Amino acid sequence: MKKSEIISLTEYGCGLTIDANKFAYSEVRTMARQTRNSGGSLTIRNADIFSFSEIKMICEEGRGHITFADLRCD
């Protein structure tokens, strides 16, 4: 599936799991916002590539519709 097609799926209220390594930060934020607006859920794997402030922004965009599958403590 094309990346643009995966991004567009978040507009339809589905539950989706993505690998953060495959998407730009701006794309993940867009998916988080679209997921919230559509009432879906977005699970993000490998989100530790983002900084803490970037993860906070993703959370803000998704407001309760985002799950981080594998964040680790240092």
C-alpha atoms as a PDB file:
ATOM      1  CA  MET A   1       0.000   0.000   0.000  1.00  0.00           C
ATOM      2  CA  LYS A   2       1.241   3.503  -0.767  1.00  0.00           C
ATOM      3  CA  LYS A   3       2.120   5.781   2.121  1.00  0.00           C
ATOM      4  CA  SER A   4      -0.462   8.338   0.968  1.00  0.00           C
ATOM      5  CA  GLU A   5      -3.150   5.637   1.024  1.00  0.00           C
ATOM      6  CA  ILE A   6      -2.243   4.646   4.584  1.00  0.00           C
ATOM      7  CA  ILE A   7      -2.383   8.293   5.663  1.00  0.00           C
ATOM      8  CA  SER A   8      -5.815   8.704   4.045  1.00  0.00           C
ATOM      9  CA  LEU A   9      -7.201   5.688   5.945  1.00  0.00           C
ATOM     10  CA  THR A  10      -7.073   7.728   9.152  1.00  0.00           C
ATOM     11  CA  GLU A  11      -9.961   9.830   7.804  1.00  0.00           C
ATOM     12  CA  TYR A  12     -12.357   6.874   7.989  1.00  0.00           C
ATOM     13  CA  GLY A  13     -12.427   6.028  11.682  1.00  0.00           C
ATOM     14  CA  CYS A  14     -10.445   2.823  11.463  1.00  0.00           C
ATOM     15  CA  GLY A  15      -7.962   1.354  13.917  1.00  0.00           C
ATOM     16  CA  LEU A  16      -4.489   1.491  12.420  1.00  0.00           C
ATOM     17  CA  THR A  17      -0.961   0.552  13.518  1.00  0.00           C
ATOM     18  CA  ILE A  18       1.998   2.286  11.881  1.00  0.00           C
ATOM     19  CA  ASP A  19       5.779   2.129  12.083  1.00  0.00           C
ATOM     20  CA  ALA A  20       7.086   5.640  12.815  1.00  0.00           C
ATOM     21  CA  ASN A  21      10.259   4.851  10.866  1.00  0.00           C
ATOM     22  CA  LYS A  22       8.226   4.880   7.638  1.00  0.00           C
ATOM     23  CA  PHE A  23       6.662   8.323   8.093  1.00  0.00           C
ATOM     24  CA  ALA A  24       7.847  11.891   8.556  1.00  0.00           C
ATOM     25  CA  TYR A  25       6.967  13.625  11.820  1.00  0.00           C
ATOM     26  CA  SER A  26       4.558  15.941   9.974  1.00  0.00           C
ATOM     27  CA  GLU A  27       2.771  12.937   8.456  1.00  0.00           C
ATOM     28  CA  VAL A  28       2.338  11.319  11.876  1.00  0.00           C
ATOM     29  CA  ARG A  29       0.879  14.552  13.252  1.00  0.00           C
ATOM     30  CA  THR A  30      -1.538  14.698  10.334  1.00  0.00           C
ATOM     31  CA  MET A  31      -2.576  11.093  10.924  1.00  0.00           C
ATOM     32  CA  ALA A  32      -3.061  11.779  14.644  1.00  0.00           C
ATOM     33  CA  ARG A  33      -5.308  14.768  13.933  1.00  0.00           C
ATOM     34  CA  GLN A  34      -7.326  12.907  11.280  1.00  0.00           C
ATOM     35  CA  THR A  35      -7.695   9.893  13.591  1.00  0.00           C
ATOM     36  CA  ARG A  36      -9.087  12.097  16.367  1.00  0.00           C
ATOM     37  CA  ASN A  37     -11.498  13.818  13.982  1.00  0.00           C
ATOM     38  CA  SER A  38     -12.761  10.501  12.580  1.00  0.00           C
ATOM     39  CA  GLY A  39     -13.032   8.768  15.964  1.00  0.00           C
ATOM     40  CA  GLY A  40     -10.522   6.038  15.087  1.00  0.00           C
ATOM     41  CA  SER A  41      -7.410   4.861  16.862  1.00  0.00           C
ATOM     42  CA  LEU A  42      -3.766   5.070  15.876  1.00  0.00           C
ATOM     43  CA  THR A  43      -1.066   2.865  17.371  1.00  0.00           C
ATOM     44  CA  ILE A  44       2.480   4.044  16.713  1.00  0.00           C
ATOM     45  CA  ARG A  45       5.434   1.669  16.890  1.00  0.00           C
ATOM     46  CA  ASN A  46       9.066   2.861  17.106  1.00  0.00           C
ATOM     47  CA  ALA A  47       7.985   6.338  18.245  1.00  0.00           C
ATOM     48  CA  ASP A  48      11.246   6.706  20.159  1.00  0.00           C
ATOM     49  CA  ILE A  49      12.695   8.239  16.980  1.00  0.00           C
ATOM     50  CA  PHE A  50      10.788  11.395  17.962  1.00  0.00           C
ATOM     51  CA  SER A  51      11.818  13.821  20.687  1.00  0.00           C
ATOM     52  CA  PHE A  52       9.728  14.214  23.839  1.00  0.00           C
ATOM     53  CA  SER A  53       8.302  17.515  22.568  1.00  0.00           C
ATOM     54  CA  GLU A  54       7.356  15.900  19.240  1.00  0.00           C
ATOM     55  CA  ILE A  55       5.599  13.044  21.051  1.00  0.00           C
ATOM     56  CA  LYS A  56       3.693  15.590  23.169  1.00  0.00           C
ATOM     57  CA  MET A  57       2.524  17.324  19.973  1.00  0.00           C
ATOM     58  CA  ILE A  58       1.385  14.000  18.498  1.00  0.00           C
ATOM     59  CA  CYS A  59      -0.563  13.370  21.725  1.00  0.00           C
ATOM     60  CA  GLU A  60      -2.117  16.817  21.524  1.00  0.00           C
ATOM     61  CA  GLU A  61      -3.163  16.251  17.903  1.00  0.00           C
ATOM     62  CA  GLY A  62      -4.616  12.813  18.711  1.00  0.00           C
ATOM     63  CA  ARG A  63      -6.226  13.663  22.079  1.00  0.00           C
ATOM     64  CA  GLY A  64      -6.890  10.183  23.441  1.00  0.00           C
ATOM     65  CA  HIS A  65      -6.889   8.310  20.137  1.00  0.00           C
ATOM     66  CA  ILE A  66      -3.148   7.506  20.106  1.00  0.00           C
ATOM     67  CA  THR A  67      -1.296   4.521  21.570  1.00  0.00           C
ATOM     68  CA  PHE A  68       2.482   4.212  21.684  1.00  0.00           C
ATOM     69  CA  ALA A  69       3.251   0.510  21.429  1.00  0.00           C
ATOM     70  CA  ASP A  70       6.826   0.388  22.604  1.00  0.00           C
ATOM     71  CA  LEU A  71       8.143   3.524  24.316  1.00  0.00           C
ATOM     72  CA  ARG A  72      11.024   2.661  26.639  1.00  0.00           C
ATOM     73  CA  CYS A  73      12.659   4.253  29.664  1.00  0.00           C
ATOM     74  CA  ASP A  74      16.351   5.078  29.488  1.00  0.00           C
END
